[in-house]
Amino acid sequence: MSNGFWMDDGQQQQGGWNTQTNQQDMGWGQFDYSQPQQTQQQAGNDYYQQQSQQYQQPQNNYYGGQMFLPNTGTGALPNAAPDGEDYENEPPLLEELGINFSHIKEKTIAVLNPTGSATVEVIADQDLAGPLVFCLIFGAALLLHGKLSFGFIYGVGGLGCVGIYALMNLMATDEKNISFTCTASVLGYCLLPMALLSIVTAVLSFKVSFQGIVGYFVSALAVLWCSSASSKLFVIALSMDHQRLLVAYPCVLLYSVFALLAIF
């Protein structure tokens, strides 16, 4: 017994035999300590370098920032931008909004000239910029009389467009028809003589007895002018050559209401 522990002879023999057996069964690896060893820090640096080289290599399964760029193949335009839009050949903004100044000019001249004419393409242009300007001029001229009549102008004009639109499509043939916006465009352009009448009445007072007769005559002339121009454009658009008087009758009724707003 030594150091407070003891064992008998059998245990010593058994323990010694087991120790020798275990040493014989274990296959201990041999390590060559003569080779230079790599420290833990150097091993970590090599690991990070290998990982960075792996991510730097181009791989097809990673997103390369080209997802939203169009393909520059044979179908791309020659002057196209990187986003696929051809800005050099892009139409003007006014043309995209449907505002054509040449059509506006031609349609205005056709209204002011009683013997003038316009093509079917110009009449079919659904332009509402000109009618809106003429309605504003008419209402601004009525403001010089001290009358705020913008609500009456738009209300009567809207109801008149609905009625004329229904009548024109009923009177037209099956091959021809007219849209509501085209009807509103024609009636709005033909309101220009009535806007001129309102400006004249703002300068000259038609409420005197002598000038009252002149005022009624000028108002009737403006109504006939507007009705003749509108009926002419409707006849050209719908090819109703022999029905111009029938087309002009509802237009006379509509523009007579605007004339009453102008002189009273």
Protein backbone atom coordinates (compact mmCIF):
# COMPACT_ATOMS: atom_id res chain seq x y z
CA MET A 1 0.00 0.00 0.00
CA SER A 2 1.32 3.43 -0.93
CA ASN A 3 -0.20 6.94 -0.81
CA GLY A 4 -3.30 5.58 0.96
CA PHE A 5 -4.25 3.11 -1.85
CA TRP A 6 -3.75 -0.62 -1.88
CA MET A 7 -4.63 -3.60 -4.07
CA ASP A 8 -3.96 -7.25 -3.87
CA ASP A 9 -1.73 -9.30 -6.12
CA GLY A 10 -4.64 -10.50 -8.29
CA GLN A 11 -5.75 -7.04 -9.06
CA GLN A 12 -2.20 -5.96 -9.84
CA GLN A 13 -1.76 -8.83 -12.27
CA GLN A 14 -5.16 -8.25 -13.85
CA GLY A 15 -4.56 -4.51 -14.15
CA GLY A 16 -1.19 -4.99 -15.66
CA TRP A 17 -2.53 -7.47 -18.21
CA ASN A 18 -5.36 -5.10 -19.17
CA THR A 19 -2.94 -2.23 -19.57
CA GLN A 20 -0.71 -4.18 -21.87
CA THR A 21 -3.71 -5.42 -23.86
CA ASN A 22 -5.11 -1.91 -24.27
CA GLN A 23 -1.76 -0.57 -25.38
CA GLN A 24 -1.46 -3.36 -27.92
CA ASP A 25 -5.03 -2.81 -29.24
CA MET A 26 -4.77 0.95 -29.64
CA GLY A 27 -3.36 2.20 -32.88
CA TRP A 28 -1.67 5.47 -31.98
CA GLY A 29 -1.00 7.86 -34.87
CA GLN A 30 2.52 8.95 -35.56
CA PHE A 31 3.15 12.73 -35.85
CA ASP A 32 6.31 14.22 -37.26
CA TYR A 33 7.28 17.12 -35.05
CA SER A 34 10.25 18.00 -37.23
CA GLN A 35 7.96 19.64 -39.86
CA PRO A 36 7.09 23.37 -39.40
CA GLN A 37 3.72 23.77 -37.76
CA GLN A 38 1.00 26.24 -38.83
CA THR A 39 -0.38 28.38 -36.09
CA GLN A 40 -4.10 28.78 -35.49
CA GLN A 41 -4.10 32.40 -36.70
CA GLN A 42 -2.47 31.45 -40.02
CA ALA A 43 -5.02 28.67 -40.51
CA GLY A 44 -7.88 31.13 -39.93
CA ASN A 45 -6.40 33.58 -42.45
CA ASP A 46 -6.11 30.85 -45.08
CA TYR A 47 -9.73 29.88 -44.47
CA TYR A 48 -11.03 33.42 -45.00
CA GLN A 49 -8.89 33.81 -48.13
CA GLN A 50 -10.35 30.63 -49.57
CA GLN A 51 -13.89 31.80 -48.80
CA SER A 52 -13.33 35.23 -50.38
CA GLN A 53 -11.87 33.65 -53.53
CA GLN A 54 -14.89 31.37 -53.73
CA TYR A 55 -17.36 34.30 -53.63
CA GLN A 56 -15.31 36.32 -56.09
CA GLN A 57 -15.53 33.62 -58.73
CA PRO A 58 -18.41 34.22 -61.22
CA GLN A 59 -21.20 31.78 -60.67
CA ASN A 60 -24.42 31.48 -62.62
CA ASN A 61 -26.63 30.86 -59.61
CA TYR A 62 -25.86 34.24 -57.99
CA TYR A 63 -27.66 37.52 -58.86
CA GLY A 64 -25.32 39.79 -60.80
CA GLY A 65 -27.44 42.97 -60.85
CA GLN A 66 -28.77 42.38 -64.39
CA MET A 67 -32.30 41.30 -63.51
CA PHE A 68 -34.17 44.46 -64.56
CA LEU A 69 -32.03 45.34 -67.59
CA PRO A 70 -33.47 44.39 -71.00
CA ASN A 71 -31.71 42.02 -73.29
CA THR A 72 -29.56 43.75 -75.88
CA GLY A 73 -30.35 41.23 -78.58
CA THR A 74 -31.47 41.62 -82.16
CA GLY A 75 -34.92 42.90 -81.09
CA ALA A 76 -33.56 46.01 -79.34
CA LEU A 77 -33.97 49.41 -80.99
CA PRO A 78 -30.78 51.01 -82.34
CA ASN A 79 -31.30 54.27 -80.39
CA ALA A 80 -32.89 52.70 -77.34
CA ALA A 81 -31.85 53.70 -73.86
CA PRO A 82 -30.76 51.10 -71.27
CA ASP A 83 -34.37 50.93 -70.06
CA GLY A 84 -35.63 50.03 -73.55
CA GLU A 85 -37.26 53.41 -74.38
CA ASP A 86 -36.43 55.22 -77.62
CA TYR A 87 -36.30 58.79 -76.30
CA GLU A 88 -34.88 60.27 -79.50
CA ASN A 89 -37.88 59.22 -81.61
CA GLU A 90 -40.46 59.80 -78.89
CA PRO A 91 -43.48 61.89 -80.04
CA PRO A 92 -44.03 65.34 -78.49
CA LEU A 93 -45.98 65.65 -75.28
CA LEU A 94 -48.83 67.61 -76.88
CA GLU A 95 -49.26 64.90 -79.49
CA GLU A 96 -49.45 62.26 -76.80
CA LEU A 97 -52.12 64.34 -75.04
CA GLY A 98 -54.11 64.55 -78.28
CA ILE A 99 -53.51 68.29 -78.88
CA ASN A 100 -52.79 68.97 -82.53
CA PHE A 101 -52.36 72.67 -83.30
CA SER A 102 -52.71 72.17 -87.05
CA HIS A 103 -56.12 70.53 -86.55
CA ILE A 104 -57.14 73.26 -84.11
CA LYS A 105 -56.20 75.94 -86.61
CA GLU A 106 -57.98 74.27 -89.51
CA LYS A 107 -61.14 73.65 -87.51
CA THR A 108 -61.19 77.23 -86.21
CA ILE A 109 -60.80 78.63 -89.74
CA ALA A 110 -63.62 76.35 -90.92
CA VAL A 111 -65.87 77.85 -88.23
CA LEU A 112 -64.95 81.49 -88.89
CA ASN A 113 -65.19 81.11 -92.69
CA PRO A 114 -68.81 80.36 -93.70
CA THR A 115 -67.68 79.06 -97.09
CA GLY A 116 -64.73 77.14 -95.70
CA SER A 117 -64.52 73.41 -95.24
CA ALA A 118 -62.56 70.80 -93.30
CA THR A 119 -61.54 67.23 -93.87
CA VAL A 120 -63.20 64.28 -92.18
CA GLU A 121 -59.95 63.50 -90.34
CA VAL A 122 -59.84 66.97 -88.78
CA ILE A 123 -63.51 66.86 -87.78
CA ALA A 124 -63.13 63.38 -86.29
CA ASP A 125 -60.27 64.63 -84.10
CA GLN A 126 -61.63 64.42 -80.57
CA ASP A 127 -59.96 67.61 -79.39
CA LEU A 128 -61.49 69.35 -76.38
CA ALA A 129 -58.76 71.93 -75.74
CA GLY A 130 -60.18 74.43 -78.23
CA PRO A 131 -63.79 74.15 -76.99
CA LEU A 132 -62.63 74.59 -73.41
CA VAL A 133 -60.75 77.78 -74.33
CA PHE A 134 -63.76 79.18 -76.21
CA CYS A 135 -66.07 78.41 -73.30
CA LEU A 136 -63.70 80.23 -70.95
CA ILE A 137 -63.58 83.22 -73.31
CA PHE A 138 -67.38 83.27 -73.45
CA GLY A 139 -67.67 83.10 -69.66
CA ALA A 140 -64.94 85.74 -69.18
CA ALA A 141 -66.82 88.09 -71.54
CA LEU A 142 -69.99 87.56 -69.51
CA LEU A 143 -68.03 88.55 -66.41
CA LEU A 144 -67.64 91.99 -67.97
CA HIS A 145 -71.44 92.25 -67.75
CA GLY A 146 -71.25 91.38 -64.07
CA LYS A 147 -72.74 87.92 -64.67
CA LEU A 148 -71.11 84.76 -63.37
CA SER A 149 -72.54 82.20 -65.80
CA PHE A 150 -69.93 79.47 -65.99
CA GLY A 151 -72.36 76.97 -64.44
CA PHE A 152 -75.05 77.81 -67.02
CA ILE A 153 -72.54 77.54 -69.87
CA TYR A 154 -71.29 74.10 -68.88
CA GLY A 155 -74.75 72.86 -67.91
CA VAL A 156 -76.49 73.95 -71.13
CA GLY A 157 -73.49 72.83 -73.18
CA GLY A 158 -73.45 69.37 -71.59
CA LEU A 159 -77.19 68.81 -72.12
CA GLY A 160 -76.94 70.14 -75.66
CA CYS A 161 -74.07 67.74 -76.46
CA VAL A 162 -76.08 64.78 -75.20
CA GLY A 163 -79.13 65.76 -77.28
CA ILE A 164 -77.18 66.50 -80.47
CA TYR A 165 -75.18 63.29 -80.07
CA ALA A 166 -78.37 61.23 -79.89
CA LEU A 167 -79.96 63.02 -82.86
CA MET A 168 -76.89 62.74 -85.09
CA ASN A 169 -76.54 59.00 -84.52
CA LEU A 170 -80.25 58.48 -85.18
CA MET A 171 -80.12 60.48 -88.41
CA ALA A 172 -76.87 58.95 -89.69
CA THR A 173 -76.67 55.79 -91.72
CA ASP A 174 -75.58 52.45 -90.35
CA GLU A 175 -72.08 52.82 -91.79
CA LYS A 176 -71.52 56.25 -90.21
CA ASN A 177 -71.60 57.28 -86.58
CA ILE A 178 -70.12 59.97 -84.39
CA SER A 179 -68.71 59.80 -80.88
CA PHE A 180 -69.78 61.95 -77.97
CA THR A 181 -66.40 63.66 -77.65
CA CYS A 182 -66.40 64.48 -81.35
CA THR A 183 -69.88 66.00 -80.98
CA ALA A 184 -68.73 68.08 -78.01
CA SER A 185 -65.66 69.19 -79.96
CA VAL A 186 -67.70 70.40 -82.95
CA LEU A 187 -70.25 72.24 -80.81
CA GLY A 188 -67.49 73.79 -78.72
CA TYR A 189 -65.57 75.10 -81.72
CA CYS A 190 -68.75 76.54 -83.21
CA LEU A 191 -69.28 78.50 -79.98
CA LEU A 192 -66.55 80.92 -81.08
CA PRO A 193 -68.95 83.38 -82.84
CA MET A 194 -71.04 83.44 -79.68
CA ALA A 195 -67.93 84.30 -77.66
CA LEU A 196 -67.25 87.18 -80.08
CA LEU A 197 -70.86 88.35 -79.63
CA SER A 198 -70.42 88.35 -75.87
CA ILE A 199 -67.27 90.48 -76.21
CA VAL A 200 -69.11 92.96 -78.48
CA THR A 201 -72.03 93.23 -76.06
CA ALA A 202 -69.55 93.94 -73.27
CA VAL A 203 -68.22 96.93 -75.24
CA LEU A 204 -71.56 98.20 -76.58
CA SER A 205 -74.64 98.30 -74.42
CA PHE A 206 -77.64 96.77 -76.21
CA LYS A 207 -80.14 97.76 -73.53
CA VAL A 208 -81.03 101.14 -75.09
CA SER A 209 -84.16 101.09 -77.28
CA PHE A 210 -82.33 101.83 -80.55
CA GLN A 211 -79.40 99.59 -79.73
CA GLY A 212 -81.79 96.84 -78.55
CA ILE A 213 -82.95 96.24 -82.10
CA VAL A 214 -79.35 96.12 -83.27
CA GLY A 215 -78.54 93.76 -80.46
CA TYR A 216 -81.29 91.32 -81.41
CA PHE A 217 -80.19 91.41 -85.03
CA VAL A 218 -76.56 90.77 -84.16
CA SER A 219 -77.58 87.99 -81.79
CA ALA A 220 -79.68 86.32 -84.50
CA LEU A 221 -76.77 86.63 -86.92
CA ALA A 222 -74.42 84.99 -84.39
CA VAL A 223 -76.90 82.15 -83.84
CA LEU A 224 -77.16 81.53 -87.59
CA TRP A 225 -73.40 81.67 -87.88
CA CYS A 226 -72.84 79.08 -85.16
CA SER A 227 -75.62 76.82 -86.46
CA SER A 228 -74.38 77.00 -90.06
CA ALA A 229 -70.82 76.11 -89.05
CA SER A 230 -71.85 73.23 -86.78
CA SER A 231 -74.29 71.76 -89.31
CA LYS A 232 -71.61 71.99 -92.01
CA LEU A 233 -69.12 70.01 -89.90
CA PHE A 234 -71.71 67.42 -88.93
CA VAL A 235 -72.77 66.93 -92.55
CA ILE A 236 -69.16 66.43 -93.65
CA ALA A 237 -68.42 63.97 -90.83
CA LEU A 238 -71.58 61.88 -91.36
CA SER A 239 -71.98 62.32 -95.14
CA MET A 240 -75.52 63.75 -94.83
CA ASP A 241 -75.45 66.13 -97.80
CA HIS A 242 -79.23 66.47 -98.19
CA GLN A 243 -80.07 66.79 -94.49
CA ARG A 244 -78.25 69.95 -93.53
CA LEU A 245 -81.39 71.91 -92.63
CA LEU A 246 -82.55 69.11 -90.35
CA VAL A 247 -79.13 69.09 -88.69
CA ALA A 248 -79.10 72.88 -88.36
CA TYR A 249 -82.49 73.10 -86.59
CA PRO A 250 -81.45 71.59 -83.20
CA CYS A 251 -78.20 73.58 -83.41
CA VAL A 252 -80.21 76.82 -83.74
CA LEU A 253 -82.15 75.97 -80.58
CA LEU A 254 -78.98 75.24 -78.65
CA TYR A 255 -77.10 78.39 -79.65
CA SER A 256 -80.19 80.53 -79.06
CA VAL A 257 -79.89 79.74 -75.35
CA PHE A 258 -76.27 80.97 -75.37
CA ALA A 259 -77.39 84.12 -77.21
CA LEU A 260 -79.93 84.82 -74.48
CA LEU A 261 -77.14 84.53 -71.91
CA ALA A 262 -75.07 87.00 -73.92
CA ILE A 263 -77.62 89.79 -74.40
CA PHE A 264 -79.67 89.60 -71.19
